[in-house]
Amino acid sequence: MRVRGPSNGARRRAPASAGPLRWFDGLLPRALPTRVAHCDRKPHVSHTAAWALLIVAGLFETAWAIGLKYTDGFTRLGPSVFTVATLIVSMLLLAYAVRVLPIGTAYAVWVGIGALGAAALGIALFQEPLTAARAGFLLLLLVSIAGLRMTSQG
């Protein structure tokens, strides 16, 4: 039997908990917020916890970037699965962090952590050269990440 909507032809609205990110609500522990934050509602996660999620997301960003080197163009199964899995985790954690943090700040910090980590691991693991100029720019990147955190609201 088909259930009919309102008689005026209007469509029913989705419940407040429905949203574009509802498909992964069950993937993370229940301690994290499970509803998409709307304009006037903030999730029940602290500013500090959101920053911690963002830092972990940045570390996973570094992991998948380095994993990409080991996939050999996605021709090796193990490294390819690792790379895709860490990419997904990184994106999910970033998505949770931006429920509280401004997107511009969060994205810049996320990319910065990933870039800094990938460059440092490239030097350590793949014998990429460390020149004075490169070290100076990596230091500037670190200062930029710290500056964005220190000037963030909350």
C-alpha atoms as a PDB file:
ATOM      1  CA  MET A   1       0.000   0.000   0.000  1.00  0.00           C
ATOM      2  CA  ARG A   2       1.321   3.410  -0.920  1.00  0.00           C
ATOM      3  CA  VAL A   3       1.403   6.114   1.733  1.00  0.00           C
ATOM      4  CA  ARG A   4       0.230   9.460   0.455  1.00  0.00           C
ATOM      5  CA  GLY A   5       1.908  12.731   1.361  1.00  0.00           C
ATOM      6  CA  PRO A   6       0.239  16.014   2.212  1.00  0.00           C
ATOM      7  CA  SER A   7      -2.884  16.730   0.229  1.00  0.00           C
ATOM      8  CA  ASN A   8      -1.542  20.006  -1.145  1.00  0.00           C
ATOM      9  CA  GLY A   9       1.098  18.197  -3.209  1.00  0.00           C
ATOM     10  CA  ALA A  10       4.053  19.360  -1.108  1.00  0.00           C
ATOM     11  CA  ARG A  11       6.794  16.875  -0.428  1.00  0.00           C
ATOM     12  CA  ARG A  12       7.653  15.813   3.099  1.00  0.00           C
ATOM     13  CA  ARG A  13      10.880  17.156   4.506  1.00  0.00           C
ATOM     14  CA  ALA A  14      13.610  14.799   5.635  1.00  0.00           C
ATOM     15  CA  PRO A  15      14.092  14.551   9.408  1.00  0.00           C
ATOM     16  CA  ALA A  16      16.536  16.977  11.003  1.00  0.00           C
ATOM     17  CA  SER A  17      19.107  14.205  11.487  1.00  0.00           C
ATOM     18  CA  ALA A  18      19.165  13.476   7.766  1.00  0.00           C
ATOM     19  CA  GLY A  19      21.897  15.157   5.836  1.00  0.00           C
ATOM     20  CA  PRO A  20      24.498  14.664   3.156  1.00  0.00           C
ATOM     21  CA  LEU A  21      26.925  12.992   5.595  1.00  0.00           C
ATOM     22  CA  ARG A  22      24.442  10.627   7.281  1.00  0.00           C
ATOM     23  CA  TRP A  23      25.812   7.623   5.370  1.00  0.00           C
ATOM     24  CA  PHE A  24      28.897   7.435   7.603  1.00  0.00           C
ATOM     25  CA  ASP A  25      27.219   8.132  10.953  1.00  0.00           C
ATOM     26  CA  GLY A  26      27.706   4.498  12.005  1.00  0.00           C
ATOM     27  CA  LEU A  27      31.390   4.301  11.024  1.00  0.00           C
ATOM     28  CA  LEU A  28      32.845   6.288  13.919  1.00  0.00           C
ATOM     29  CA  PRO A  29      32.409   5.717  17.652  1.00  0.00           C
ATOM     30  CA  ARG A  30      29.301   7.135  19.288  1.00  0.00           C
ATOM     31  CA  ALA A  31      31.405   9.540  21.370  1.00  0.00           C
ATOM     32  CA  LEU A  32      31.688  11.682  18.251  1.00  0.00           C
ATOM     33  CA  PRO A  33      28.742  13.757  17.005  1.00  0.00           C
ATOM     34  CA  THR A  34      26.507  11.889  14.552  1.00  0.00           C
ATOM     35  CA  ARG A  35      24.405  14.734  13.187  1.00  0.00           C
ATOM     36  CA  VAL A  36      25.396  17.172  10.530  1.00  0.00           C
ATOM     37  CA  ALA A  37      25.692  20.636  12.015  1.00  0.00           C
ATOM     38  CA  HIS A  38      23.315  23.124  10.457  1.00  0.00           C
ATOM     39  CA  CYS A  39      23.673  26.888  10.392  1.00  0.00           C
ATOM     40  CA  ASP A  40      22.386  27.555  13.903  1.00  0.00           C
ATOM     41  CA  ARG A  41      23.323  24.300  15.658  1.00  0.00           C
ATOM     42  CA  LYS A  42      26.754  23.152  16.741  1.00  0.00           C
ATOM     43  CA  PRO A  43      27.618  19.510  17.499  1.00  0.00           C
ATOM     44  CA  HIS A  44      28.412  18.356  21.009  1.00  0.00           C
ATOM     45  CA  VAL A  45      32.161  18.206  20.555  1.00  0.00           C
ATOM     46  CA  SER A  46      34.558  20.695  22.067  1.00  0.00           C
ATOM     47  CA  HIS A  47      36.808  22.998  20.135  1.00  0.00           C
ATOM     48  CA  THR A  48      39.825  21.154  21.567  1.00  0.00           C
ATOM     49  CA  ALA A  49      38.458  17.764  20.486  1.00  0.00           C
ATOM     50  CA  ALA A  50      37.851  19.120  16.976  1.00  0.00           C
ATOM     51  CA  TRP A  51      41.481  20.264  16.815  1.00  0.00           C
ATOM     52  CA  ALA A  52      42.642  16.835  17.996  1.00  0.00           C
ATOM     53  CA  LEU A  53      40.549  15.199  15.252  1.00  0.00           C
ATOM     54  CA  LEU A  54      42.054  17.594  12.727  1.00  0.00           C
ATOM     55  CA  ILE A  55      45.621  16.787  13.782  1.00  0.00           C
ATOM     56  CA  VAL A  56      44.944  13.046  13.529  1.00  0.00           C
ATOM     57  CA  ALA A  57      43.319  13.637  10.125  1.00  0.00           C
ATOM     58  CA  GLY A  58      46.489  15.448   9.047  1.00  0.00           C
ATOM     59  CA  LEU A  59      48.624  12.513  10.178  1.00  0.00           C
ATOM     60  CA  PHE A  60      46.441  10.158   8.137  1.00  0.00           C
ATOM     61  CA  GLU A  61      46.886  12.580   5.215  1.00  0.00           C
ATOM     62  CA  THR A  62      50.636  12.137   5.577  1.00  0.00           C
ATOM     63  CA  ALA A  63      50.193   8.347   5.726  1.00  0.00           C
ATOM     64  CA  TRP A  64      48.200   8.113   2.506  1.00  0.00           C
ATOM     65  CA  ALA A  65      50.536  10.506   0.695  1.00  0.00           C
ATOM     66  CA  ILE A  66      53.534   8.343   1.600  1.00  0.00           C
ATOM     67  CA  GLY A  67      51.520   5.187   0.888  1.00  0.00           C
ATOM     68  CA  LEU A  68      50.930   6.509  -2.608  1.00  0.00           C
ATOM     69  CA  LYS A  69      54.668   6.212  -3.268  1.00  0.00           C
ATOM     70  CA  TYR A  70      54.551   2.503  -2.374  1.00  0.00           C
ATOM     71  CA  THR A  71      51.515   1.642  -4.574  1.00  0.00           C
ATOM     72  CA  ASP A  72      53.587   1.795  -7.767  1.00  0.00           C
ATOM     73  CA  GLY A  73      50.694   3.399  -9.635  1.00  0.00           C
ATOM     74  CA  PHE A  74      48.110   1.307  -7.729  1.00  0.00           C
ATOM     75  CA  THR A  75      49.576  -1.901  -9.131  1.00  0.00           C
ATOM     76  CA  ARG A  76      50.464  -3.341  -5.706  1.00  0.00           C
ATOM     77  CA  LEU A  77      47.423  -4.507  -3.729  1.00  0.00           C
ATOM     78  CA  GLY A  78      48.634  -4.144  -0.123  1.00  0.00           C
ATOM     79  CA  PRO A  79      49.953  -0.590  -0.374  1.00  0.00           C
ATOM     80  CA  SER A  80      46.957   0.388  -2.524  1.00  0.00           C
ATOM     81  CA  VAL A  81      44.468  -0.831   0.087  1.00  0.00           C
ATOM     82  CA  PHE A  82      46.448   0.956   2.814  1.00  0.00           C
ATOM     83  CA  THR A  83      46.507   4.195   0.811  1.00  0.00           C
ATOM     84  CA  VAL A  84      42.778   4.172   0.048  1.00  0.00           C
ATOM     85  CA  ALA A  85      41.881   3.247   3.640  1.00  0.00           C
ATOM     86  CA  THR A  86      44.007   6.020   5.152  1.00  0.00           C
ATOM     87  CA  LEU A  87      42.613   8.491   2.616  1.00  0.00           C
ATOM     88  CA  ILE A  88      39.065   7.618   3.670  1.00  0.00           C
ATOM     89  CA  VAL A  89      39.885   7.890   7.382  1.00  0.00           C
ATOM     90  CA  SER A  90      41.606  11.222   6.799  1.00  0.00           C
ATOM     91  CA  MET A  91      38.584  12.630   4.967  1.00  0.00           C
ATOM     92  CA  LEU A  92      36.117  11.366   7.578  1.00  0.00           C
ATOM     93  CA  LEU A  93      38.085  12.910  10.422  1.00  0.00           C
ATOM     94  CA  LEU A  94      38.381  16.184   8.517  1.00  0.00           C
ATOM     95  CA  ALA A  95      34.618  16.126   7.935  1.00  0.00           C
ATOM     96  CA  TYR A  96      33.976  15.714  11.655  1.00  0.00           C
ATOM     97  CA  ALA A  97      36.450  18.474  12.565  1.00  0.00           C
ATOM     98  CA  VAL A  98      34.842  21.025  10.229  1.00  0.00           C
ATOM     99  CA  ARG A  99      31.559  20.604  12.047  1.00  0.00           C
ATOM    100  CA  VAL A 100      33.121  22.849  14.686  1.00  0.00           C
ATOM    101  CA  LEU A 101      36.121  24.525  13.052  1.00  0.00           C
ATOM    102  CA  PRO A 102      35.942  27.010  10.178  1.00  0.00           C
ATOM    103  CA  ILE A 103      36.488  25.215   6.862  1.00  0.00           C
ATOM    104  CA  GLY A 104      39.190  27.591   5.636  1.00  0.00           C
ATOM    105  CA  THR A 105      41.290  27.183   8.754  1.00  0.00           C
ATOM    106  CA  ALA A 106      40.703  23.437   9.082  1.00  0.00           C
ATOM    107  CA  TYR A 107      41.482  22.688   5.450  1.00  0.00           C
ATOM    108  CA  ALA A 108      44.654  24.805   5.478  1.00  0.00           C
ATOM    109  CA  VAL A 109      45.907  23.087   8.642  1.00  0.00           C
ATOM    110  CA  TRP A 110      44.978  19.625   7.311  1.00  0.00           C
ATOM    111  CA  VAL A 111      46.851  20.188   4.057  1.00  0.00           C
ATOM    112  CA  GLY A 112      49.750  21.798   5.922  1.00  0.00           C
ATOM    113  CA  ILE A 113      50.181  18.834   8.262  1.00  0.00           C
ATOM    114  CA  GLY A 114      50.026  16.465   5.311  1.00  0.00           C
ATOM    115  CA  ALA A 115      52.532  18.475   3.285  1.00  0.00           C
ATOM    116  CA  LEU A 116      54.925  18.912   6.190  1.00  0.00           C
ATOM    117  CA  GLY A 117      54.717  15.228   7.113  1.00  0.00           C
ATOM    118  CA  ALA A 118      55.123  14.039   3.531  1.00  0.00           C
ATOM    119  CA  ALA A 119      58.145  16.288   3.009  1.00  0.00           C
ATOM    120  CA  ALA A 120      59.765  15.181   6.277  1.00  0.00           C
ATOM    121  CA  LEU A 121      59.151  11.494   5.540  1.00  0.00           C
ATOM    122  CA  GLY A 122      60.385  11.976   1.979  1.00  0.00           C
ATOM    123  CA  ILE A 123      63.657  13.207   3.422  1.00  0.00           C
ATOM    124  CA  ALA A 124      63.832  10.399   6.002  1.00  0.00           C
ATOM    125  CA  LEU A 125      62.605   7.458   3.881  1.00  0.00           C
ATOM    126  CA  PHE A 126      63.490   8.312   0.294  1.00  0.00           C
ATOM    127  CA  GLN A 127      66.717  10.291   0.774  1.00  0.00           C
ATOM    128  CA  GLU A 128      65.228  13.440  -0.734  1.00  0.00           C
ATOM    129  CA  PRO A 129      67.663  16.320  -0.369  1.00  0.00           C
ATOM    130  CA  LEU A 130      67.403  18.668   2.604  1.00  0.00           C
ATOM    131  CA  THR A 131      68.759  22.029   1.577  1.00  0.00           C
ATOM    132  CA  ALA A 132      68.817  25.121   3.758  1.00  0.00           C
ATOM    133  CA  ALA A 133      66.107  26.700   1.623  1.00  0.00           C
ATOM    134  CA  ARG A 134      63.886  23.616   1.867  1.00  0.00           C
ATOM    135  CA  ALA A 135      64.341  23.447   5.634  1.00  0.00           C
ATOM    136  CA  GLY A 136      63.477  27.128   5.893  1.00  0.00           C
ATOM    137  CA  PHE A 137      60.266  26.708   3.899  1.00  0.00           C
ATOM    138  CA  LEU A 138      59.262  23.661   5.947  1.00  0.00           C
ATOM    139  CA  LEU A 139      59.825  25.751   9.064  1.00  0.00           C
ATOM    140  CA  LEU A 140      57.604  28.487   7.584  1.00  0.00           C
ATOM    141  CA  LEU A 141      54.929  25.851   6.966  1.00  0.00           C
ATOM    142  CA  LEU A 142      55.141  24.705  10.584  1.00  0.00           C
ATOM    143  CA  VAL A 143      54.904  28.307  11.820  1.00  0.00           C
ATOM    144  CA  SER A 144      51.886  28.870   9.547  1.00  0.00           C
ATOM    145  CA  ILE A 145      50.083  25.816  10.942  1.00  0.00           C
ATOM    146  CA  ALA A 146      50.794  26.920  14.521  1.00  0.00           C
ATOM    147  CA  GLY A 147      49.709  30.474  13.700  1.00  0.00           C
ATOM    148  CA  LEU A 148      46.387  29.304  12.297  1.00  0.00           C
ATOM    149  CA  ARG A 149      45.792  27.290  15.465  1.00  0.00           C
ATOM    150  CA  MET A 150      46.726  30.143  17.785  1.00  0.00           C
ATOM    151  CA  THR A 151      44.500  32.643  15.977  1.00  0.00           C
ATOM    152  CA  SER A 152      41.519  30.293  15.725  1.00  0.00           C
ATOM    153  CA  GLN A 153      38.380  31.315  17.578  1.00  0.00           C
ATOM    154  CA  GLY A 154      37.552  29.356  20.737  1.00  0.00           C
END
